[in-house]
């Protein structure tokens, strides 16, 4: 089959909408037999592949779902403490629906923009696609060619593409973190883990931080940029922040890895946590409860991101003409040992 033949071509040849063509090829009962026959004939004439479908009474017609998960370009390949949960959720839900899963990494820059697309994106035998952890700022030719399959974004953003999304309430989650610090008496609260080129999820966490401080008429100028969301950058940002603003008594880190870096920096600078410096993270990865002190953080239901991604691929395949959908998952505050009440501590520049 020529690579240029898509579901749109079949629909135009048969004189129907893309949604009707998809439902006809998937044997949906809502399509008239005459229309279905016309679509099938068009597919055969054009060489569009026909595959086994469900019985039309609720079974998924999907055989293979592809999962693309972000990988920071130029860094070694290793298990991602956040996206491994999403992959587990996708795997479990695919198994539940007897759907096969293909997995590949998608290389992204520090802003999570795709740098290199894997070959899987062009493979015709995937019936749906989940993209996790990317920021697709502009319409890309490679995705525009895949209008024949349902595509769902998980913890990803594509403002110019009509894809369904499963995202996290980043602004509200950040607000919960900062509110908790304020409840503990902190008024000089820093932020690390953000840069002007951060992806939208991190931008939203910064917005939540700023809005909450502004609502309490507190200063928001304790922001120290971090080039990446890792422990090394969290460490360096904390050192810079505490040297220029020793009055800071609490830090909100935009993810747990930068928060762990902040904990190590505080230790090396002789700052007791939480007695002299409180630190709170975001994501609730496994390491947060294993370090000392255990990290107070914002819990993200990461496995559910993957589960709901699969469910939405199935729903979109069953009804391609449904309105574009965004599902937002709520977050929870997890209180551990790295945040404490404000104490009067006489401190000089570390």
C-alpha atoms as a PDB file:
ATOM      1  CA  UNK A   1       0.000   0.000   0.000  1.00  0.00           C
ATOM      2  CA  UNK A   2       1.375   3.411  -0.876  1.00  0.00           C
ATOM      3  CA  UNK A   3       2.214   5.387   2.234  1.00  0.00           C
ATOM      4  CA  UNK A   4       0.056   8.263   0.993  1.00  0.00           C
ATOM      5  CA  UNK A   5      -3.205   6.293   1.236  1.00  0.00           C
ATOM      6  CA  UNK A   6      -5.011   7.308   4.413  1.00  0.00           C
ATOM      7  CA  UNK A   7      -8.453   7.017   5.927  1.00  0.00           C
ATOM      8  CA  UNK A   8      -9.218  10.475   4.535  1.00  0.00           C
ATOM      9  CA  UNK A   9      -8.553   9.199   1.010  1.00  0.00           C
ATOM     10  CA  UNK A  10     -10.929   6.286   1.564  1.00  0.00           C
ATOM     11  CA  UNK A  11     -13.613   8.611   2.937  1.00  0.00           C
ATOM     12  CA  UNK A  12     -13.327  11.020   0.007  1.00  0.00           C
ATOM     13  CA  UNK A  13     -13.389   8.178  -2.521  1.00  0.00           C
ATOM     14  CA  UNK A  14     -16.517   6.725  -0.901  1.00  0.00           C
ATOM     15  CA  UNK A  15     -18.161  10.134  -0.511  1.00  0.00           C
ATOM     16  CA  UNK A  16     -18.523   9.951   3.280  1.00  0.00           C
ATOM     17  CA  UNK A  17     -17.011  11.668   6.327  1.00  0.00           C
ATOM     18  CA  UNK A  18     -13.831  10.362   7.978  1.00  0.00           C
ATOM     19  CA  UNK A  19     -15.874   9.361  11.021  1.00  0.00           C
ATOM     20  CA  UNK A  20     -18.324   7.360   8.924  1.00  0.00           C
ATOM     21  CA  UNK A  21     -15.478   5.673   7.048  1.00  0.00           C
ATOM     22  CA  UNK A  22     -13.816   4.692  10.318  1.00  0.00           C
ATOM     23  CA  UNK A  23     -17.043   3.325  11.771  1.00  0.00           C
ATOM     24  CA  UNK A  24     -17.760   1.404   8.588  1.00  0.00           C
ATOM     25  CA  UNK A  25     -14.294  -0.172   8.548  1.00  0.00           C
ATOM     26  CA  UNK A  26     -14.708  -1.074  12.226  1.00  0.00           C
ATOM     27  CA  UNK A  27     -18.121  -2.691  11.602  1.00  0.00           C
ATOM     28  CA  UNK A  28     -20.083  -0.299  13.799  1.00  0.00           C
ATOM     29  CA  UNK A  29     -23.840  -0.999  13.802  1.00  0.00           C
ATOM     30  CA  UNK A  30     -24.680   2.687  13.340  1.00  0.00           C
ATOM     31  CA  UNK A  31     -23.509   2.554   9.694  1.00  0.00           C
ATOM     32  CA  UNK A  32     -25.942   1.459   7.018  1.00  0.00           C
ATOM     33  CA  UNK A  33     -24.939  -1.702   5.165  1.00  0.00           C
ATOM     34  CA  UNK A  34     -24.984   0.106   1.817  1.00  0.00           C
ATOM     35  CA  UNK A  35     -22.620   2.783   3.169  1.00  0.00           C
ATOM     36  CA  UNK A  36     -20.348   0.191   4.717  1.00  0.00           C
ATOM     37  CA  UNK A  37     -20.155  -1.722   1.428  1.00  0.00           C
ATOM     38  CA  UNK A  38     -19.242   1.515  -0.399  1.00  0.00           C
ATOM     39  CA  UNK A  39     -16.470   2.274   2.082  1.00  0.00           C
ATOM     40  CA  UNK A  40     -15.099  -1.270   1.908  1.00  0.00           C
ATOM     41  CA  UNK A  41     -15.069  -1.103  -1.885  1.00  0.00           C
ATOM     42  CA  UNK A  42     -13.212   2.216  -1.746  1.00  0.00           C
ATOM     43  CA  UNK A  43     -10.634   0.751   0.643  1.00  0.00           C
ATOM     44  CA  UNK A  44     -10.050  -2.250  -1.614  1.00  0.00           C
ATOM     45  CA  UNK A  45      -9.725  -0.108  -4.753  1.00  0.00           C
ATOM     46  CA  UNK A  46      -7.212   2.235  -3.081  1.00  0.00           C
ATOM     47  CA  UNK A  47      -5.286  -0.553  -1.399  1.00  0.00           C
ATOM     48  CA  UNK A  48      -6.112   0.531   2.145  1.00  0.00           C
ATOM     49  CA  UNK A  49      -5.541  -2.436   4.508  1.00  0.00           C
ATOM     50  CA  UNK A  50      -8.596  -4.113   5.996  1.00  0.00           C
ATOM     51  CA  UNK A  51      -8.238  -5.842   9.330  1.00  0.00           C
ATOM     52  CA  UNK A  52     -10.305  -8.067  11.583  1.00  0.00           C
ATOM     53  CA  UNK A  53     -12.815  -6.104  13.607  1.00  0.00           C
ATOM     54  CA  UNK A  54     -14.993  -6.688  16.651  1.00  0.00           C
ATOM     55  CA  UNK A  55     -18.556  -7.850  16.570  1.00  0.00           C
ATOM     56  CA  UNK A  56     -20.069  -4.383  16.726  1.00  0.00           C
ATOM     57  CA  UNK A  57     -21.444  -4.844  20.233  1.00  0.00           C
ATOM     58  CA  UNK A  58     -18.814  -3.057  22.327  1.00  0.00           C
ATOM     59  CA  UNK A  59     -15.658  -5.105  21.660  1.00  0.00           C
ATOM     60  CA  UNK A  60     -12.608  -3.046  20.781  1.00  0.00           C
ATOM     61  CA  UNK A  61     -11.561  -3.253  17.147  1.00  0.00           C
ATOM     62  CA  UNK A  62      -8.009  -2.243  18.042  1.00  0.00           C
ATOM     63  CA  UNK A  63      -5.283  -4.846  17.676  1.00  0.00           C
ATOM     64  CA  UNK A  64      -2.149  -2.794  18.362  1.00  0.00           C
ATOM     65  CA  UNK A  65      -1.636   0.503  20.215  1.00  0.00           C
ATOM     66  CA  UNK A  66       1.644   2.360  19.968  1.00  0.00           C
ATOM     67  CA  UNK A  67       3.108   4.218  22.955  1.00  0.00           C
ATOM     68  CA  UNK A  68       5.694   6.969  22.474  1.00  0.00           C
ATOM     69  CA  UNK A  69       7.324   8.129  25.712  1.00  0.00           C
ATOM     70  CA  UNK A  70       9.624  11.125  26.031  1.00  0.00           C
ATOM     71  CA  UNK A  71      13.375  10.706  26.292  1.00  0.00           C
ATOM     72  CA  UNK A  72      15.624  13.690  26.905  1.00  0.00           C
ATOM     73  CA  UNK A  73      17.761  14.002  23.791  1.00  0.00           C
ATOM     74  CA  UNK A  74      21.478  13.520  24.443  1.00  0.00           C
ATOM     75  CA  UNK A  75      21.016  11.826  27.827  1.00  0.00           C
ATOM     76  CA  UNK A  76      21.569   8.106  28.537  1.00  0.00           C
ATOM     77  CA  UNK A  77      18.575   5.813  28.270  1.00  0.00           C
ATOM     78  CA  UNK A  78      17.332   4.837  31.722  1.00  0.00           C
ATOM     79  CA  UNK A  79      14.051   4.114  33.482  1.00  0.00           C
ATOM     80  CA  UNK A  80      12.109   7.347  33.900  1.00  0.00           C
ATOM     81  CA  UNK A  81      10.825   7.694  37.460  1.00  0.00           C
ATOM     82  CA  UNK A  82       7.609   9.363  36.239  1.00  0.00           C
ATOM     83  CA  UNK A  83       6.792   7.912  32.811  1.00  0.00           C
ATOM     84  CA  UNK A  84       7.465   4.318  33.837  1.00  0.00           C
ATOM     85  CA  UNK A  85       4.200   4.538  35.809  1.00  0.00           C
ATOM     86  CA  UNK A  86       2.353   5.732  32.718  1.00  0.00           C
ATOM     87  CA  UNK A  87       3.790   2.879  30.681  1.00  0.00           C
ATOM     88  CA  UNK A  88       2.658   0.413  33.362  1.00  0.00           C
ATOM     89  CA  UNK A  89      -0.865   1.840  33.225  1.00  0.00           C
ATOM     90  CA  UNK A  90      -0.938   1.555  29.435  1.00  0.00           C
ATOM     91  CA  UNK A  91       0.345  -2.031  29.536  1.00  0.00           C
ATOM     92  CA  UNK A  92      -2.187  -3.149  32.131  1.00  0.00           C
ATOM     93  CA  UNK A  93      -5.148  -1.583  30.338  1.00  0.00           C
ATOM     94  CA  UNK A  94      -4.069  -2.972  26.955  1.00  0.00           C
ATOM     95  CA  UNK A  95      -3.821  -6.425  28.519  1.00  0.00           C
ATOM     96  CA  UNK A  96      -7.306  -6.028  29.973  1.00  0.00           C
ATOM     97  CA  UNK A  97      -8.712  -5.298  26.514  1.00  0.00           C
ATOM     98  CA  UNK A  98      -6.568  -7.931  24.751  1.00  0.00           C
ATOM     99  CA  UNK A  99      -4.737  -5.224  22.787  1.00  0.00           C
ATOM    100  CA  UNK A 100      -1.074  -5.574  21.830  1.00  0.00           C
ATOM    101  CA  UNK A 101       1.315  -2.753  22.709  1.00  0.00           C
ATOM    102  CA  UNK A 102       4.269  -1.385  20.768  1.00  0.00           C
ATOM    103  CA  UNK A 103       6.642   0.889  22.670  1.00  0.00           C
ATOM    104  CA  UNK A 104       9.254   3.405  21.532  1.00  0.00           C
ATOM    105  CA  UNK A 105      11.004   6.494  22.865  1.00  0.00           C
ATOM    106  CA  UNK A 106      10.573   9.920  21.330  1.00  0.00           C
ATOM    107  CA  UNK A 107      13.586  12.205  21.735  1.00  0.00           C
ATOM    108  CA  UNK A 108      12.719  15.688  23.021  1.00  0.00           C
ATOM    109  CA  UNK A 109      14.636  18.887  23.770  1.00  0.00           C
ATOM    110  CA  UNK A 110      14.576  20.641  27.203  1.00  0.00           C
ATOM    111  CA  UNK A 111      11.179  22.147  26.326  1.00  0.00           C
ATOM    112  CA  UNK A 112       9.841  18.653  25.457  1.00  0.00           C
ATOM    113  CA  UNK A 113       9.589  19.512  21.759  1.00  0.00           C
ATOM    114  CA  UNK A 114      10.166  16.395  19.615  1.00  0.00           C
ATOM    115  CA  UNK A 115      13.642  16.225  18.100  1.00  0.00           C
ATOM    116  CA  UNK A 116      13.602  12.761  16.554  1.00  0.00           C
ATOM    117  CA  UNK A 117      10.466  10.769  15.726  1.00  0.00           C
ATOM    118  CA  UNK A 118      10.804   6.967  15.910  1.00  0.00           C
ATOM    119  CA  UNK A 119       9.981   4.864  12.880  1.00  0.00           C
ATOM    120  CA  UNK A 120       6.922   3.430  14.629  1.00  0.00           C
ATOM    121  CA  UNK A 121       4.968   6.609  13.858  1.00  0.00           C
ATOM    122  CA  UNK A 122       4.926   5.637  10.167  1.00  0.00           C
ATOM    123  CA  UNK A 123       4.095   1.975  10.662  1.00  0.00           C
ATOM    124  CA  UNK A 124       0.686   1.103   9.254  1.00  0.00           C
ATOM    125  CA  UNK A 125      -0.069  -1.778  11.608  1.00  0.00           C
ATOM    126  CA  UNK A 126      -0.681   0.326  14.729  1.00  0.00           C
ATOM    127  CA  UNK A 127      -4.383   1.057  15.224  1.00  0.00           C
ATOM    128  CA  UNK A 128      -3.981   3.840  17.784  1.00  0.00           C
ATOM    129  CA  UNK A 129      -1.245   5.955  19.304  1.00  0.00           C
ATOM    130  CA  UNK A 130      -0.510   7.409  22.756  1.00  0.00           C
ATOM    131  CA  UNK A 131       2.125  10.145  23.021  1.00  0.00           C
ATOM    132  CA  UNK A 132       3.448  10.800  26.538  1.00  0.00           C
ATOM    133  CA  UNK A 133       5.483  13.766  27.744  1.00  0.00           C
ATOM    134  CA  UNK A 134       5.853  15.916  24.636  1.00  0.00           C
ATOM    135  CA  UNK A 135       5.004  19.470  23.621  1.00  0.00           C
ATOM    136  CA  UNK A 136       4.005  19.589  19.949  1.00  0.00           C
ATOM    137  CA  UNK A 137       3.813  23.326  19.436  1.00  0.00           C
ATOM    138  CA  UNK A 138       3.280  23.364  15.686  1.00  0.00           C
ATOM    139  CA  UNK A 139       1.359  21.066  13.368  1.00  0.00           C
ATOM    140  CA  UNK A 140       3.814  18.460  12.176  1.00  0.00           C
ATOM    141  CA  UNK A 141       3.634  16.745   8.818  1.00  0.00           C
ATOM    142  CA  UNK A 142       4.366  13.352  10.333  1.00  0.00           C
ATOM    143  CA  UNK A 143       1.323  13.465  12.628  1.00  0.00           C
ATOM    144  CA  UNK A 144      -0.877  15.084  10.006  1.00  0.00           C
ATOM    145  CA  UNK A 145      -0.381  11.987   7.866  1.00  0.00           C
ATOM    146  CA  UNK A 146      -1.725   9.735  10.635  1.00  0.00           C
ATOM    147  CA  UNK A 147      -5.307  10.981  10.605  1.00  0.00           C
ATOM    148  CA  UNK A 148      -6.370   7.394  10.004  1.00  0.00           C
ATOM    149  CA  UNK A 149      -5.814   6.365  13.643  1.00  0.00           C
ATOM    150  CA  UNK A 150      -6.912   7.793  17.007  1.00  0.00           C
ATOM    151  CA  UNK A 151      -4.113   9.716  18.754  1.00  0.00           C
ATOM    152  CA  UNK A 152      -4.277  10.602  22.450  1.00  0.00           C
ATOM    153  CA  UNK A 153      -1.833  12.859  24.306  1.00  0.00           C
ATOM    154  CA  UNK A 154      -0.897  11.881  27.870  1.00  0.00           C
ATOM    155  CA  UNK A 155       0.835  14.573  29.925  1.00  0.00           C
ATOM    156  CA  UNK A 156       1.458  16.149  26.525  1.00  0.00           C
ATOM    157  CA  UNK A 157       0.346  19.304  24.778  1.00  0.00           C
ATOM    158  CA  UNK A 158      -0.458  20.056  21.136  1.00  0.00           C
ATOM    159  CA  UNK A 159      -2.513  23.281  21.036  1.00  0.00           C
ATOM    160  CA  UNK A 160      -2.779  23.268  17.230  1.00  0.00           C
ATOM    161  CA  UNK A 161      -3.806  19.651  16.801  1.00  0.00           C
ATOM    162  CA  UNK A 162      -7.284  18.206  17.521  1.00  0.00           C
ATOM    163  CA  UNK A 163      -6.150  15.358  19.758  1.00  0.00           C
ATOM    164  CA  UNK A 164      -7.746  14.143  22.974  1.00  0.00           C
ATOM    165  CA  UNK A 165      -5.614  14.717  26.084  1.00  0.00           C
ATOM    166  CA  UNK A 166      -5.136  13.274  29.546  1.00  0.00           C
ATOM    167  CA  UNK A 167      -3.441  15.891  31.741  1.00  0.00           C
ATOM    168  CA  UNK A 168      -2.816  16.828  35.378  1.00  0.00           C
ATOM    169  CA  UNK A 169      -4.221  19.786  37.325  1.00  0.00           C
ATOM    170  CA  UNK A 170      -0.784  21.393  37.538  1.00  0.00           C
ATOM    171  CA  UNK A 171      -1.925  24.871  38.591  1.00  0.00           C
ATOM    172  CA  UNK A 172      -4.179  23.589  41.357  1.00  0.00           C
ATOM    173  CA  UNK A 173      -1.553  21.087  42.481  1.00  0.00           C
ATOM    174  CA  UNK A 174       1.117  23.766  42.784  1.00  0.00           C
ATOM    175  CA  UNK A 175      -1.344  25.925  44.693  1.00  0.00           C
ATOM    176  CA  UNK A 176      -1.905  23.083  47.202  1.00  0.00           C
ATOM    177  CA  UNK A 177       1.848  22.860  47.765  1.00  0.00           C
ATOM    178  CA  UNK A 178       2.346  26.579  48.322  1.00  0.00           C
ATOM    179  CA  UNK A 179      -0.780  26.882  50.479  1.00  0.00           C
ATOM    180  CA  UNK A 180       0.581  24.175  52.753  1.00  0.00           C
ATOM    181  CA  UNK A 181       3.889  26.029  53.116  1.00  0.00           C
ATOM    182  CA  UNK A 182       2.016  29.229  53.972  1.00  0.00           C
ATOM    183  CA  UNK A 183      -0.092  27.349  56.544  1.00  0.00           C
ATOM    184  CA  UNK A 184       3.186  26.356  58.200  1.00  0.00           C
ATOM    185  CA  UNK A 185       4.047  30.049  58.562  1.00  0.00           C
ATOM    186  CA  UNK A 186       6.436  30.454  55.617  1.00  0.00           C
ATOM    187  CA  UNK A 187       6.331  33.791  53.806  1.00  0.00           C
ATOM    188  CA  UNK A 188       9.659  33.706  51.909  1.00  0.00           C
ATOM    189  CA  UNK A 189       9.064  30.797  49.527  1.00  0.00           C
ATOM    190  CA  UNK A 190      11.363  29.996  46.625  1.00  0.00           C
ATOM    191  CA  UNK A 191      10.719  28.103  43.394  1.00  0.00           C
ATOM    192  CA  UNK A 192      13.174  25.897  41.491  1.00  0.00           C
ATOM    193  CA  UNK A 193      12.769  23.555  38.515  1.00  0.00           C
ATOM    194  CA  UNK A 194      11.509  26.145  36.054  1.00  0.00           C
ATOM    195  CA  UNK A 195      13.046  27.940  33.092  1.00  0.00           C
ATOM    196  CA  UNK A 196      11.650  30.266  30.427  1.00  0.00           C
ATOM    197  CA  UNK A 197      11.767  27.311  28.027  1.00  0.00           C
ATOM    198  CA  UNK A 198       9.971  24.844  30.290  1.00  0.00           C
ATOM    199  CA  UNK A 199       7.150  22.705  28.847  1.00  0.00           C
ATOM    200  CA  UNK A 200       3.536  23.741  29.569  1.00  0.00           C
ATOM    201  CA  UNK A 201       3.117  21.472  32.603  1.00  0.00           C
ATOM    202  CA  UNK A 202       6.002  23.179  34.406  1.00  0.00           C
ATOM    203  CA  UNK A 203       4.813  26.604  33.273  1.00  0.00           C
ATOM    204  CA  UNK A 204       1.459  25.806  34.875  1.00  0.00           C
ATOM    205  CA  UNK A 205       3.132  24.834  38.149  1.00  0.00           C
ATOM    206  CA  UNK A 206       4.941  28.173  38.195  1.00  0.00           C
ATOM    207  CA  UNK A 207       1.610  29.922  37.578  1.00  0.00           C
ATOM    208  CA  UNK A 208       0.078  28.079  40.544  1.00  0.00           C
ATOM    209  CA  UNK A 209       3.020  29.152  42.725  1.00  0.00           C
ATOM    210  CA  UNK A 210       2.742  32.794  41.678  1.00  0.00           C
ATOM    211  CA  UNK A 211      -1.033  33.032  41.968  1.00  0.00           C
ATOM    212  CA  UNK A 212      -1.036  31.566  45.448  1.00  0.00           C
ATOM    213  CA  UNK A 213       1.658  33.901  46.743  1.00  0.00           C
ATOM    214  CA  UNK A 214      -0.047  36.888  45.131  1.00  0.00           C
ATOM    215  CA  UNK A 215      -3.354  35.897  46.732  1.00  0.00           C
ATOM    216  CA  UNK A 216      -1.593  36.124  50.115  1.00  0.00           C
ATOM    217  CA  UNK A 217       0.211  39.350  49.111  1.00  0.00           C
ATOM    218  CA  UNK A 218       3.605  37.639  49.351  1.00  0.00           C
ATOM    219  CA  UNK A 219       6.673  38.220  47.212  1.00  0.00           C
ATOM    220  CA  UNK A 220       7.180  36.009  44.152  1.00  0.00           C
ATOM    221  CA  UNK A 221      10.721  37.068  43.274  1.00  0.00           C
ATOM    222  CA  UNK A 222      12.393  34.025  44.837  1.00  0.00           C
ATOM    223  CA  UNK A 223      12.498  32.131  41.541  1.00  0.00           C
ATOM    224  CA  UNK A 224      15.724  30.401  40.532  1.00  0.00           C
ATOM    225  CA  UNK A 225      15.775  28.949  37.026  1.00  0.00           C
ATOM    226  CA  UNK A 226      16.928  25.385  36.456  1.00  0.00           C
ATOM    227  CA  UNK A 227      18.075  24.170  33.050  1.00  0.00           C
ATOM    228  CA  UNK A 228      16.663  20.665  33.541  1.00  0.00           C
ATOM    229  CA  UNK A 229      14.335  18.771  35.858  1.00  0.00           C
ATOM    230  CA  UNK A 230      16.981  16.627  37.523  1.00  0.00           C
ATOM    231  CA  UNK A 231      18.781  16.343  40.845  1.00  0.00           C
ATOM    232  CA  UNK A 232      21.951  18.114  39.703  1.00  0.00           C
ATOM    233  CA  UNK A 233      20.033  21.171  38.507  1.00  0.00           C
ATOM    234  CA  UNK A 234      17.911  21.139  41.659  1.00  0.00           C
ATOM    235  CA  UNK A 235      21.090  21.107  43.731  1.00  0.00           C
ATOM    236  CA  UNK A 236      22.690  23.989  41.821  1.00  0.00           C
ATOM    237  CA  UNK A 237      19.523  26.099  41.786  1.00  0.00           C
ATOM    238  CA  UNK A 238      19.127  25.711  45.555  1.00  0.00           C
ATOM    239  CA  UNK A 239      22.708  26.813  46.188  1.00  0.00           C
ATOM    240  CA  UNK A 240      22.262  29.891  44.003  1.00  0.00           C
ATOM    241  CA  UNK A 241      18.901  30.755  45.572  1.00  0.00           C
ATOM    242  CA  UNK A 242      20.039  30.450  49.179  1.00  0.00           C
ATOM    243  CA  UNK A 243      23.188  32.464  48.553  1.00  0.00           C
ATOM    244  CA  UNK A 244      21.323  35.407  47.046  1.00  0.00           C
ATOM    245  CA  UNK A 245      18.227  35.163  49.277  1.00  0.00           C
ATOM    246  CA  UNK A 246      19.149  33.640  52.656  1.00  0.00           C
ATOM    247  CA  UNK A 247      15.791  34.808  54.046  1.00  0.00           C
ATOM    248  CA  UNK A 248      14.069  32.003  52.097  1.00  0.00           C
ATOM    249  CA  UNK A 249      12.704  29.391  54.522  1.00  0.00           C
ATOM    250  CA  UNK A 250      10.843  27.110  52.108  1.00  0.00           C
ATOM    251  CA  UNK A 251      11.259  25.876  48.532  1.00  0.00           C
ATOM    252  CA  UNK A 252       8.646  24.569  46.110  1.00  0.00           C
ATOM    253  CA  UNK A 253      10.333  22.367  43.497  1.00  0.00           C
ATOM    254  CA  UNK A 254       8.484  21.803  40.218  1.00  0.00           C
ATOM    255  CA  UNK A 255       9.181  18.081  40.347  1.00  0.00           C
ATOM    256  CA  UNK A 256      10.505  15.549  42.835  1.00  0.00           C
ATOM    257  CA  UNK A 257      13.928  15.092  41.252  1.00  0.00           C
ATOM    258  CA  UNK A 258      14.759  18.792  41.641  1.00  0.00           C
ATOM    259  CA  UNK A 259      13.373  18.626  45.192  1.00  0.00           C
ATOM    260  CA  UNK A 260      15.730  15.736  45.990  1.00  0.00           C
ATOM    261  CA  UNK A 261      18.585  17.816  44.595  1.00  0.00           C
ATOM    262  CA  UNK A 262      17.472  20.647  46.896  1.00  0.00           C
ATOM    263  CA  UNK A 263      17.577  18.303  49.897  1.00  0.00           C
ATOM    264  CA  UNK A 264      21.165  17.337  49.094  1.00  0.00           C
ATOM    265  CA  UNK A 265      22.145  20.988  48.621  1.00  0.00           C
ATOM    266  CA  UNK A 266      20.613  21.952  51.972  1.00  0.00           C
ATOM    267  CA  UNK A 267      22.560  19.195  53.698  1.00  0.00           C
ATOM    268  CA  UNK A 268      25.842  20.287  52.098  1.00  0.00           C
ATOM    269  CA  UNK A 269      25.166  23.917  53.014  1.00  0.00           C
ATOM    270  CA  UNK A 270      24.557  23.011  56.627  1.00  0.00           C
ATOM    271  CA  UNK A 271      20.823  23.796  56.521  1.00  0.00           C
ATOM    272  CA  UNK A 272      18.658  21.430  58.544  1.00  0.00           C
ATOM    273  CA  UNK A 273      15.499  20.200  56.789  1.00  0.00           C
ATOM    274  CA  UNK A 274      12.821  21.066  57.813  1.00  0.00           C
ATOM    275  CA  UNK A 275      14.034  23.070  60.823  1.00  0.00           C
ATOM    276  CA  UNK A 276      15.836  25.711  58.731  1.00  0.00           C
ATOM    277  CA  UNK A 277      14.559  24.994  55.234  1.00  0.00           C
ATOM    278  CA  UNK A 278      11.321  23.276  54.212  1.00  0.00           C
ATOM    279  CA  UNK A 279      11.183  21.589  50.797  1.00  0.00           C
ATOM    280  CA  UNK A 280       8.158  20.294  48.884  1.00  0.00           C
ATOM    281  CA  UNK A 281       8.099  18.516  45.514  1.00  0.00           C
ATOM    282  CA  UNK A 282       5.610  17.461  42.848  1.00  0.00           C
ATOM    283  CA  UNK A 283       4.827  13.988  41.337  1.00  0.00           C
ATOM    284  CA  UNK A 284       5.293  11.577  44.292  1.00  0.00           C
ATOM    285  CA  UNK A 285       7.775   9.215  42.624  1.00  0.00           C
ATOM    286  CA  UNK A 286       9.026   6.181  44.568  1.00  0.00           C
ATOM    287  CA  UNK A 287      12.240   7.811  45.779  1.00  0.00           C
ATOM    288  CA  UNK A 288      10.357  10.474  47.746  1.00  0.00           C
ATOM    289  CA  UNK A 289       9.524   8.120  50.599  1.00  0.00           C
ATOM    290  CA  UNK A 290      12.955   6.482  50.680  1.00  0.00           C
ATOM    291  CA  UNK A 291      15.158   9.553  51.165  1.00  0.00           C
ATOM    292  CA  UNK A 292      15.889  11.282  54.477  1.00  0.00           C
ATOM    293  CA  UNK A 293      13.895  13.217  55.392  1.00  0.00           C
ATOM    294  CA  UNK A 294      11.040  11.707  53.378  1.00  0.00           C
ATOM    295  CA  UNK A 295       9.778  14.277  50.889  1.00  0.00           C
ATOM    296  CA  UNK A 296       6.466  16.077  51.251  1.00  0.00           C
ATOM    297  CA  UNK A 297       5.079  16.292  47.728  1.00  0.00           C
ATOM    298  CA  UNK A 298       2.050  16.526  45.443  1.00  0.00           C
ATOM    299  CA  UNK A 299       0.777  13.123  44.360  1.00  0.00           C
ATOM    300  CA  UNK A 300       0.008  12.646  40.653  1.00  0.00           C
ATOM    301  CA  UNK A 301      -2.038   9.518  39.745  1.00  0.00           C
ATOM    302  CA  UNK A 302       0.549   8.512  37.172  1.00  0.00           C
ATOM    303  CA  UNK A 303      -0.685   4.991  36.413  1.00  0.00           C
ATOM    304  CA  UNK A 304      -4.159   6.377  35.784  1.00  0.00           C
ATOM    305  CA  UNK A 305      -2.720   8.691  33.140  1.00  0.00           C
ATOM    306  CA  UNK A 306      -1.810   5.592  31.134  1.00  0.00           C
ATOM    307  CA  UNK A 307      -5.039   3.725  31.873  1.00  0.00           C
ATOM    308  CA  UNK A 308      -7.222   6.624  30.789  1.00  0.00           C
ATOM    309  CA  UNK A 309      -5.041   7.166  27.721  1.00  0.00           C
ATOM    310  CA  UNK A 310      -5.858   3.655  26.492  1.00  0.00           C
ATOM    311  CA  UNK A 311      -9.531   4.050  27.303  1.00  0.00           C
ATOM    312  CA  UNK A 312      -9.712   7.263  25.318  1.00  0.00           C
ATOM    313  CA  UNK A 313      -7.979   5.692  22.312  1.00  0.00           C
ATOM    314  CA  UNK A 314     -10.644   2.968  22.398  1.00  0.00           C
ATOM    315  CA  UNK A 315     -13.452   5.523  22.772  1.00  0.00           C
ATOM    316  CA  UNK A 316     -12.113   7.674  19.925  1.00  0.00           C
ATOM    317  CA  UNK A 317     -11.786   4.632  17.652  1.00  0.00           C
ATOM    318  CA  UNK A 318     -15.391   3.680  18.409  1.00  0.00           C
ATOM    319  CA  UNK A 319     -16.726   7.180  17.764  1.00  0.00           C
ATOM    320  CA  UNK A 320     -14.295   9.330  15.729  1.00  0.00           C
ATOM    321  CA  UNK A 321     -16.759  12.214  15.459  1.00  0.00           C
ATOM    322  CA  UNK A 322     -17.147  12.850  19.189  1.00  0.00           C
ATOM    323  CA  UNK A 323     -15.958  16.310  20.312  1.00  0.00           C
ATOM    324  CA  UNK A 324     -12.332  16.779  21.289  1.00  0.00           C
ATOM    325  CA  UNK A 325     -11.911  15.690  24.900  1.00  0.00           C
ATOM    326  CA  UNK A 326      -9.496  16.728  27.662  1.00  0.00           C
ATOM    327  CA  UNK A 327      -9.505  14.741  30.902  1.00  0.00           C
ATOM    328  CA  UNK A 328      -7.847  16.456  33.871  1.00  0.00           C
ATOM    329  CA  UNK A 329      -6.694  14.346  36.820  1.00  0.00           C
ATOM    330  CA  UNK A 330      -6.727  15.828  40.308  1.00  0.00           C
ATOM    331  CA  UNK A 331      -3.737  15.786  42.675  1.00  0.00           C
ATOM    332  CA  UNK A 332      -3.311  15.253  46.418  1.00  0.00           C
ATOM    333  CA  UNK A 333      -0.953  16.625  49.046  1.00  0.00           C
ATOM    334  CA  UNK A 334       1.253  13.925  50.610  1.00  0.00           C
ATOM    335  CA  UNK A 335       2.627  15.113  53.941  1.00  0.00           C
ATOM    336  CA  UNK A 336       5.922  13.588  55.058  1.00  0.00           C
ATOM    337  CA  UNK A 337       8.949  15.006  56.886  1.00  0.00           C
ATOM    338  CA  UNK A 338      10.574  17.641  54.653  1.00  0.00           C
ATOM    339  CA  UNK A 339       8.192  20.485  55.580  1.00  0.00           C
ATOM    340  CA  UNK A 340       7.844  21.912  59.057  1.00  0.00           C
ATOM    341  CA  UNK A 341       6.548  25.048  60.766  1.00  0.00           C
ATOM    342  CA  UNK A 342       8.529  28.263  60.436  1.00  0.00           C
ATOM    343  CA  UNK A 343      11.138  28.628  63.158  1.00  0.00           C
ATOM    344  CA  UNK A 344      12.970  31.804  64.107  1.00  0.00           C
ATOM    345  CA  UNK A 345      16.455  31.066  62.880  1.00  0.00           C
ATOM    346  CA  UNK A 346      19.206  33.675  62.663  1.00  0.00           C
ATOM    347  CA  UNK A 347      20.885  32.927  59.366  1.00  0.00           C
ATOM    348  CA  UNK A 348      23.719  34.476  57.401  1.00  0.00           C
ATOM    349  CA  UNK A 349      24.607  33.827  53.773  1.00  0.00           C
ATOM    350  CA  UNK A 350      25.365  30.103  53.396  1.00  0.00           C
END
